[in-house]
PDB file of N, CA and C in Angstrom:
ATOM      1  N   UNK A   1      39.736  57.550   2.731  1.00  0.00           N
ATOM      2  CA  UNK A   1      39.902  56.610   3.684  1.00  0.00           C
ATOM      3  C   UNK A   1      39.302  56.835   4.902  1.00  0.00           C
ATOM      4  N   UNK A   2      39.008  55.687   5.801  1.00  0.00           N
ATOM      5  CA  UNK A   2      38.087  56.345   6.897  1.00  0.00           C
ATOM      6  C   UNK A   2      39.560  56.187   8.032  1.00  0.00           C
ATOM      7  N   UNK A   3      39.493  57.185   9.030  1.00  0.00           N
ATOM      8  CA  UNK A   3      40.491  57.160  10.065  1.00  0.00           C
ATOM      9  C   UNK A   3      40.154  56.224  11.074  1.00  0.00           C
ATOM     10  N   UNK A   4      41.053  55.811  11.969  1.00  0.00           N
ATOM     11  CA  UNK A   4      40.643  54.823  12.980  1.00  0.00           C
ATOM     12  C   UNK A   4      39.404  55.416  14.032  1.00  0.00           C
ATOM     13  N   UNK A   5      39.668  56.622  14.313  1.00  0.00           N
ATOM     14  CA  UNK A   5      38.628  57.223  15.113  1.00  0.00           C
ATOM     15  C   UNK A   5      37.104  57.259  14.540  1.00  0.00           C
ATOM     16  N   UNK A   6      37.103  57.421  13.189  1.00  0.00           N
ATOM     17  CA  UNK A   6      35.531  57.286  12.648  1.00  0.00           C
ATOM     18  C   UNK A   6      35.399  55.704  12.440  1.00  0.00           C
ATOM     19  N   UNK A   7      36.322  54.658  12.415  1.00  0.00           N
ATOM     20  CA  UNK A   7      36.069  53.430  12.363  1.00  0.00           C
ATOM     21  C   UNK A   7      35.357  52.980  13.605  1.00  0.00           C
ATOM     22  N   UNK A   8      36.002  53.515  14.930  1.00  0.00           N
ATOM     23  CA  UNK A   8      35.657  53.176  16.088  1.00  0.00           C
ATOM     24  C   UNK A   8      34.032  53.590  16.365  1.00  0.00           C
ATOM     25  N   UNK A   9      33.534  54.903  15.597  1.00  0.00           N
ATOM     26  CA  UNK A   9      32.401  55.386  15.905  1.00  0.00           C
ATOM     27  C   UNK A   9      31.452  54.630  15.108  1.00  0.00           C
ATOM     28  N   UNK A  10      31.938  54.046  13.915  1.00  0.00           N
ATOM     29  CA  UNK A  10      31.119  53.234  13.116  1.00  0.00           C
ATOM     30  C   UNK A  10      30.938  51.756  13.541  1.00  0.00           C
ATOM     31  N   UNK A  11      31.979  51.380  14.249  1.00  0.00           N
ATOM     32  CA  UNK A  11      31.757  50.090  14.931  1.00  0.00           C
ATOM     33  C   UNK A  11      31.091  50.178  16.009  1.00  0.00           C
ATOM     34  N   UNK A  12      30.938  50.937  17.043  1.00  0.00           N
ATOM     35  CA  UNK A  12      30.074  51.061  18.004  1.00  0.00           C
ATOM     36  C   UNK A  12      28.802  51.435  17.683  1.00  0.00           C
ATOM     37  N   UNK A  13      28.235  51.949  16.354  1.00  0.00           N
ATOM     38  CA  UNK A  13      27.053  52.200  15.782  1.00  0.00           C
ATOM     39  C   UNK A  13      26.540  50.758  15.294  1.00  0.00           C
ATOM     40  N   UNK A  14      27.270  50.050  14.482  1.00  0.00           N
ATOM     41  CA  UNK A  14      26.601  48.817  14.207  1.00  0.00           C
ATOM     42  C   UNK A  14      26.758  47.807  15.407  1.00  0.00           C
ATOM     43  N   UNK A  15      27.525  48.012  16.490  1.00  0.00           N
ATOM     44  CA  UNK A  15      27.269  47.185  17.423  1.00  0.00           C
ATOM     45  C   UNK A  15      26.060  47.177  18.136  1.00  0.00           C
ATOM     46  N   UNK A  16      25.509  48.466  18.292  1.00  0.00           N
ATOM     47  CA  UNK A  16      24.271  48.672  18.829  1.00  0.00           C
ATOM     48  C   UNK A  16      23.206  48.327  18.046  1.00  0.00           C
ATOM     49  N   UNK A  17      23.317  48.425  16.632  1.00  0.00           N
ATOM     50  CA  UNK A  17      22.324  48.159  15.953  1.00  0.00           C
ATOM     51  C   UNK A  17      22.169  46.640  15.696  1.00  0.00           C
ATOM     52  N   UNK A  18      23.206  45.819  15.955  1.00  0.00           N
ATOM     53  CA  UNK A  18      23.057  44.512  15.892  1.00  0.00           C
ATOM     54  C   UNK A  18      22.327  43.831  16.992  1.00  0.00           C
ATOM     55  N   UNK A  19      22.692  44.688  18.288  1.00  0.00           N
ATOM     56  CA  UNK A  19      21.934  44.272  19.398  1.00  0.00           C
ATOM     57  C   UNK A  19      20.310  44.564  19.364  1.00  0.00           C
ATOM     58  N   UNK A  20      19.954  45.665  18.792  1.00  0.00           N
ATOM     59  CA  UNK A  20      18.808  46.082  18.771  1.00  0.00           C
ATOM     60  C   UNK A  20      18.121  45.129  17.564  1.00  0.00           C
ATOM     61  N   UNK A  21      18.500  44.589  16.378  1.00  0.00           N
ATOM     62  CA  UNK A  21      18.122  43.968  15.459  1.00  0.00           C
ATOM     63  C   UNK A  21      17.869  42.442  16.032  1.00  0.00           C
ATOM     64  N   UNK A  22      18.847  42.072  16.952  1.00  0.00           N
ATOM     65  CA  UNK A  22      18.601  40.442  17.375  1.00  0.00           C
ATOM     66  C   UNK A  22      17.631  40.532  18.518  1.00  0.00           C
ATOM     67  N   UNK A  23      17.442  41.604  19.220  1.00  0.00           N
ATOM     68  CA  UNK A  23      16.332  41.673  20.229  1.00  0.00           C
ATOM     69  C   UNK A  23      15.034  41.745  19.500  1.00  0.00           C
ATOM     70  N   UNK A  24      14.839  42.536  18.451  1.00  0.00           N
ATOM     71  CA  UNK A  24      13.584  42.537  17.783  1.00  0.00           C
ATOM     72  C   UNK A  24      13.496  41.069  17.107  1.00  0.00           C
ATOM     73  N   UNK A  25      14.222  40.563  16.414  1.00  0.00           N
ATOM     74  CA  UNK A  25      14.167  39.263  15.776  1.00  0.00           C
ATOM     75  C   UNK A  25      13.621  38.234  17.218  1.00  0.00           C
ATOM     76  N   UNK A  26      14.132  38.178  18.148  1.00  0.00           N
ATOM     77  CA  UNK A  26      13.956  37.196  19.130  1.00  0.00           C
ATOM     78  C   UNK A  26      12.618  37.445  19.822  1.00  0.00           C
ATOM     79  N   UNK A  27      12.131  38.850  19.946  1.00  0.00           N
ATOM     80  CA  UNK A  27      10.572  39.194  20.083  1.00  0.00           C
ATOM     81  C   UNK A  27       9.940  38.801  19.254  1.00  0.00           C
ATOM     82  N   UNK A  28       9.945  38.624  18.173  1.00  0.00           N
ATOM     83  CA  UNK A  28       9.050  38.387  17.121  1.00  0.00           C
ATOM     84  C   UNK A  28       8.880  36.800  16.885  1.00  0.00           C
ATOM     85  N   UNK A  29      10.147  36.187  17.486  1.00  0.00           N
ATOM     86  CA  UNK A  29      10.266  34.820  16.851  1.00  0.00           C
ATOM     87  C   UNK A  29       9.603  33.955  18.273  1.00  0.00           C
ATOM     88  N   UNK A  30      10.189  34.333  19.522  1.00  0.00           N
ATOM     89  CA  UNK A  30       9.814  33.716  20.770  1.00  0.00           C
ATOM     90  C   UNK A  30       8.503  34.411  21.533  1.00  0.00           C
ATOM     91  N   UNK A  31       8.582  35.552  21.472  1.00  0.00           N
ATOM     92  CA  UNK A  31       7.466  36.197  22.280  1.00  0.00           C
ATOM     93  C   UNK A  31       6.070  36.124  21.742  1.00  0.00           C
ATOM     94  N   UNK A  32       5.238  36.551  22.317  1.00  0.00           N
ATOM     95  CA  UNK A  32       3.956  36.640  21.910  1.00  0.00           C
ATOM     96  C   UNK A  32       3.392  38.132  21.252  1.00  0.00           C
ATOM     97  N   UNK A  33       4.265  38.706  20.862  1.00  0.00           N
ATOM     98  CA  UNK A  33       4.123  39.898  20.146  1.00  0.00           C
ATOM     99  C   UNK A  33       3.901  39.620  18.825  1.00  0.00           C
ATOM    100  N   UNK A  34       3.127  40.820  18.315  1.00  0.00           N
ATOM    101  CA  UNK A  34       2.669  40.836  17.006  1.00  0.00           C
ATOM    102  C   UNK A  34       3.515  41.542  16.069  1.00  0.00           C
ATOM    103  N   UNK A  35       3.965  42.789  16.776  1.00  0.00           N
ATOM    104  CA  UNK A  35       4.928  43.887  15.902  1.00  0.00           C
ATOM    105  C   UNK A  35       5.927  44.479  16.997  1.00  0.00           C
ATOM    106  N   UNK A  36       6.909  44.785  16.684  1.00  0.00           N
ATOM    107  CA  UNK A  36       7.981  45.068  17.354  1.00  0.00           C
ATOM    108  C   UNK A  36       8.706  46.644  16.915  1.00  0.00           C
ATOM    109  N   UNK A  37       8.789  47.553  17.746  1.00  0.00           N
ATOM    110  CA  UNK A  37       9.313  48.878  17.233  1.00  0.00           C
ATOM    111  C   UNK A  37      10.910  49.138  17.574  1.00  0.00           C
ATOM    112  N   UNK A  38      11.595  49.263  16.523  1.00  0.00           N
ATOM    113  CA  UNK A  38      12.835  49.874  16.662  1.00  0.00           C
ATOM    114  C   UNK A  38      13.022  51.373  16.140  1.00  0.00           C
ATOM    115  N   UNK A  39      13.191  52.211  17.031  1.00  0.00           N
ATOM    116  CA  UNK A  39      13.280  53.814  16.981  1.00  0.00           C
ATOM    117  C   UNK A  39      11.759  53.915  16.226  1.00  0.00           C
ATOM    118  N   UNK A  40      12.003  54.511  14.852  1.00  0.00           N
ATOM    119  CA  UNK A  40      10.564  54.827  14.100  1.00  0.00           C
ATOM    120  C   UNK A  40      10.276  53.744  13.169  1.00  0.00           C
ATOM    121  N   UNK A  41      10.853  52.439  13.228  1.00  0.00           N
ATOM    122  CA  UNK A  41      10.314  51.439  12.417  1.00  0.00           C
ATOM    123  C   UNK A  41       9.457  50.387  13.226  1.00  0.00           C
ATOM    124  N   UNK A  42       8.357  49.967  12.434  1.00  0.00           N
ATOM    125  CA  UNK A  42       7.629  48.853  13.142  1.00  0.00           C
ATOM    126  C   UNK A  42       7.756  47.536  12.215  1.00  0.00           C
ATOM    127  N   UNK A  43       8.254  46.608  12.963  1.00  0.00           N
ATOM    128  CA  UNK A  43       8.265  45.233  12.318  1.00  0.00           C
ATOM    129  C   UNK A  43       7.397  44.202  12.784  1.00  0.00           C
ATOM    130  N   UNK A  44       6.870  43.393  11.896  1.00  0.00           N
ATOM    131  CA  UNK A  44       6.132  42.190  12.235  1.00  0.00           C
ATOM    132  C   UNK A  44       6.583  40.857  11.994  1.00  0.00           C
ATOM    133  N   UNK A  45       5.805  39.622  12.162  1.00  0.00           N
ATOM    134  CA  UNK A  45       6.487  38.511  11.732  1.00  0.00           C
ATOM    135  C   UNK A  45       6.916  38.347  10.561  1.00  0.00           C
ATOM    136  N   UNK A  46       6.228  39.154   9.747  1.00  0.00           N
ATOM    137  CA  UNK A  46       6.722  38.996   8.099  1.00  0.00           C
ATOM    138  C   UNK A  46       8.069  39.539   7.626  1.00  0.00           C
ATOM    139  N   UNK A  47       8.578  40.323   8.595  1.00  0.00           N
ATOM    140  CA  UNK A  47       9.785  41.009   8.568  1.00  0.00           C
ATOM    141  C   UNK A  47      11.156  40.130   8.889  1.00  0.00           C
ATOM    142  N   UNK A  48      10.870  38.786   9.638  1.00  0.00           N
ATOM    143  CA  UNK A  48      11.755  38.053  10.295  1.00  0.00           C
ATOM    144  C   UNK A  48      12.919  37.565   9.126  1.00  0.00           C
ATOM    145  N   UNK A  49      12.568  37.324   7.987  1.00  0.00           N
ATOM    146  CA  UNK A  49      13.679  37.118   6.985  1.00  0.00           C
ATOM    147  C   UNK A  49      14.568  38.317   6.734  1.00  0.00           C
ATOM    148  N   UNK A  50      13.913  39.555   6.442  1.00  0.00           N
ATOM    149  CA  UNK A  50      14.549  40.669   6.261  1.00  0.00           C
ATOM    150  C   UNK A  50      15.373  41.074   7.650  1.00  0.00           C
ATOM    151  N   UNK A  51      14.963  40.723   8.681  1.00  0.00           N
ATOM    152  CA  UNK A  51      15.782  41.110   9.856  1.00  0.00           C
ATOM    153  C   UNK A  51      16.965  40.211   9.619  1.00  0.00           C
ATOM    154  N   UNK A  52      16.832  39.138   9.447  1.00  0.00           N
ATOM    155  CA  UNK A  52      18.014  38.137   9.192  1.00  0.00           C
ATOM    156  C   UNK A  52      19.180  38.700   8.501  1.00  0.00           C
ATOM    157  N   UNK A  53      18.679  39.092   7.291  1.00  0.00           N
ATOM    158  CA  UNK A  53      19.674  39.572   6.249  1.00  0.00           C
ATOM    159  C   UNK A  53      20.103  40.958   6.694  1.00  0.00           C
ATOM    160  N   UNK A  54      19.301  41.587   7.446  1.00  0.00           N
ATOM    161  CA  UNK A  54      19.927  43.106   8.123  1.00  0.00           C
ATOM    162  C   UNK A  54      21.018  42.718   9.186  1.00  0.00           C
ATOM    163  N   UNK A  55      20.571  41.691   9.902  1.00  0.00           N
ATOM    164  CA  UNK A  55      21.719  41.340  11.005  1.00  0.00           C
ATOM    165  C   UNK A  55      23.142  40.946  10.142  1.00  0.00           C
ATOM    166  N   UNK A  56      23.128  40.082   9.322  1.00  0.00           N
ATOM    167  CA  UNK A  56      24.099  39.280   8.171  1.00  0.00           C
ATOM    168  C   UNK A  56      24.892  40.731   7.682  1.00  0.00           C
ATOM    169  N   UNK A  57      24.232  41.718   7.352  1.00  0.00           N
ATOM    170  CA  UNK A  57      25.015  43.060   6.666  1.00  0.00           C
ATOM    171  C   UNK A  57      25.593  43.734   7.801  1.00  0.00           C
ATOM    172  N   UNK A  58      24.861  43.772   8.921  1.00  0.00           N
ATOM    173  CA  UNK A  58      25.417  44.635   9.756  1.00  0.00           C
ATOM    174  C   UNK A  58      26.681  43.976  10.484  1.00  0.00           C
ATOM    175  N   UNK A  59      26.774  42.591  10.723  1.00  0.00           N
ATOM    176  CA  UNK A  59      27.839  42.159  11.160  1.00  0.00           C
ATOM    177  C   UNK A  59      29.209  42.337  10.200  1.00  0.00           C
ATOM    178  N   UNK A  60      28.852  42.112   8.959  1.00  0.00           N
ATOM    179  CA  UNK A  60      29.706  42.310   8.004  1.00  0.00           C
ATOM    180  C   UNK A  60      30.385  43.726   8.031  1.00  0.00           C
ATOM    181  N   UNK A  61      29.629  44.841   8.081  1.00  0.00           N
ATOM    182  CA  UNK A  61      30.052  46.090   8.197  1.00  0.00           C
ATOM    183  C   UNK A  61      30.876  46.269   9.707  1.00  0.00           C
ATOM    184  N   UNK A  62      30.384  45.485  10.663  1.00  0.00           N
ATOM    185  CA  UNK A  62      31.216  45.804  11.849  1.00  0.00           C
ATOM    186  C   UNK A  62      32.562  45.213  11.853  1.00  0.00           C
ATOM    187  N   UNK A  63      32.456  44.034  11.232  1.00  0.00           N
ATOM    188  CA  UNK A  63      33.961  43.490  11.025  1.00  0.00           C
ATOM    189  C   UNK A  63      34.715  44.246  10.304  1.00  0.00           C
ATOM    190  N   UNK A  64      34.296  45.028   9.209  1.00  0.00           N
ATOM    191  CA  UNK A  64      35.153  45.813   8.223  1.00  0.00           C
ATOM    192  C   UNK A  64      35.792  46.922   9.271  1.00  0.00           C
ATOM    193  N   UNK A  65      34.819  47.623  10.029  1.00  0.00           N
ATOM    194  CA  UNK A  65      35.351  48.778  10.680  1.00  0.00           C
ATOM    195  C   UNK A  65      36.070  48.449  11.884  1.00  0.00           C
ATOM    196  N   UNK A  66      36.043  47.400  12.395  1.00  0.00           N
ATOM    197  CA  UNK A  66      36.861  46.609  13.257  1.00  0.00           C
ATOM    198  C   UNK A  66      38.258  46.392  12.648  1.00  0.00           C
ATOM    199  N   UNK A  67      38.381  45.946  11.538  1.00  0.00           N
ATOM    200  CA  UNK A  67      39.650  45.890  10.826  1.00  0.00           C
ATOM    201  C   UNK A  67      40.169  47.270  10.739  1.00  0.00           C
ATOM    202  N   UNK A  68      39.586  48.267  10.224  1.00  0.00           N
ATOM    203  CA  UNK A  68      39.792  49.388  10.091  1.00  0.00           C
ATOM    204  C   UNK A  68      40.352  50.152  11.333  1.00  0.00           C
ATOM    205  N   UNK A  69      40.010  49.828  12.120  1.00  0.00           N
ATOM    206  CA  UNK A  69      40.125  50.313  13.880  1.00  0.00           C
ATOM    207  C   UNK A  69      41.486  49.811  14.074  1.00  0.00           C
ATOM    208  N   UNK A  70      41.836  48.670  13.709  1.00  0.00           N
ATOM    209  CA  UNK A  70      43.186  47.941  14.190  1.00  0.00           C
ATOM    210  C   UNK A  70      44.229  48.130  13.160  1.00  0.00           C
ATOM    211  N   UNK A  71      44.022  49.065  12.076  1.00  0.00           N
ATOM    212  CA  UNK A  71      45.071  49.226  11.060  1.00  0.00           C
ATOM    213  C   UNK A  71      45.078  48.277   9.949  1.00  0.00           C
ATOM    214  N   UNK A  72      44.241  47.413   9.903  1.00  0.00           N
ATOM    215  CA  UNK A  72      44.095  46.348   8.686  1.00  0.00           C
ATOM    216  C   UNK A  72      43.090  46.685   7.830  1.00  0.00           C
ATOM    217  N   UNK A  73      43.142  45.962   6.685  1.00  0.00           N
ATOM    218  CA  UNK A  73      42.276  46.445   5.439  1.00  0.00           C
ATOM    219  C   UNK A  73      41.174  45.351   5.735  1.00  0.00           C
ATOM    220  N   UNK A  74      39.948  45.843   5.212  1.00  0.00           N
ATOM    221  CA  UNK A  74      38.696  44.915   5.489  1.00  0.00           C
ATOM    222  C   UNK A  74      38.795  43.896   4.458  1.00  0.00           C
ATOM    223  N   UNK A  75      38.458  42.582   4.629  1.00  0.00           N
ATOM    224  CA  UNK A  75      38.587  41.583   3.622  1.00  0.00           C
ATOM    225  C   UNK A  75      37.568  41.746   2.695  1.00  0.00           C
ATOM    226  N   UNK A  76      37.926  41.543   1.263  1.00  0.00           N
ATOM    227  CA  UNK A  76      36.995  41.735   0.153  1.00  0.00           C
ATOM    228  C   UNK A  76      37.487  40.510  -0.788  1.00  0.00           C
ATOM    229  N   UNK A  77      36.366  40.068  -1.321  1.00  0.00           N
ATOM    230  CA  UNK A  77      36.548  39.004  -2.347  1.00  0.00           C
ATOM    231  C   UNK A  77      37.014  39.626  -3.643  1.00  0.00           C
ATOM    232  N   UNK A  78      37.870  39.239  -4.268  1.00  0.00           N
ATOM    233  CA  UNK A  78      38.424  39.601  -5.781  1.00  0.00           C
ATOM    234  C   UNK A  78      37.687  38.875  -6.664  1.00  0.00           C
ATOM    235  N   UNK A  79      37.922  37.589  -6.729  1.00  0.00           N
ATOM    236  CA  UNK A  79      37.194  36.881  -7.828  1.00  0.00           C
ATOM    237  C   UNK A  79      36.971  35.375  -7.332  1.00  0.00           C
ATOM    238  N   UNK A  80      36.131  34.810  -8.085  1.00  0.00           N
ATOM    239  CA  UNK A  80      35.777  33.458  -7.749  1.00  0.00           C
ATOM    240  C   UNK A  80      36.261  32.727  -9.049  1.00  0.00           C
ATOM    241  N   UNK A  81      36.884  31.675  -9.088  1.00  0.00           N
ATOM    242  CA  UNK A  81      37.445  30.735 -10.214  1.00  0.00           C
ATOM    243  C   UNK A  81      36.623  29.377 -10.031  1.00  0.00           C
ATOM    244  N   UNK A  82      35.604  29.292 -10.817  1.00  0.00           N
ATOM    245  CA  UNK A  82      34.958  27.838 -10.955  1.00  0.00           C
ATOM    246  C   UNK A  82      35.762  26.960 -11.519  1.00  0.00           C
ATOM    247  N   UNK A  83      35.717  25.676 -10.683  1.00  0.00           N
ATOM    248  CA  UNK A  83      36.679  24.579 -11.364  1.00  0.00           C
ATOM    249  C   UNK A  83      35.861  23.286 -11.482  1.00  0.00           C
ATOM    250  N   UNK A  84      36.079  22.426 -12.532  1.00  0.00           N
ATOM    251  CA  UNK A  84      35.573  21.151 -12.471  1.00  0.00           C
ATOM    252  C   UNK A  84      36.346  20.134 -12.098  1.00  0.00           C
ATOM    253  N   UNK A  85      36.183  19.224 -11.208  1.00  0.00           N
ATOM    254  CA  UNK A  85      36.953  18.123 -10.885  1.00  0.00           C
ATOM    255  C   UNK A  85      36.486  16.928 -11.198  1.00  0.00           C
TER     256      UNK A  85
END
């Protein structure tokens, strides 16, 4: 299990990652740039959908680590029961 200190480090990592990903997506959507670089990755307008999925995943991970930092369990879906009404 992850300690609160490790959870805080991971929370901060995902927080910074989300900021970078959002900045990249906005630059590709709004600005007149053809490509955008994050560290050693080069992204183009074709990667906008992928960026959206990465942002969603990073937000989920950040909320899991936030819950661990505060001493709670991360939320997880156990089962889905389909019903006809």
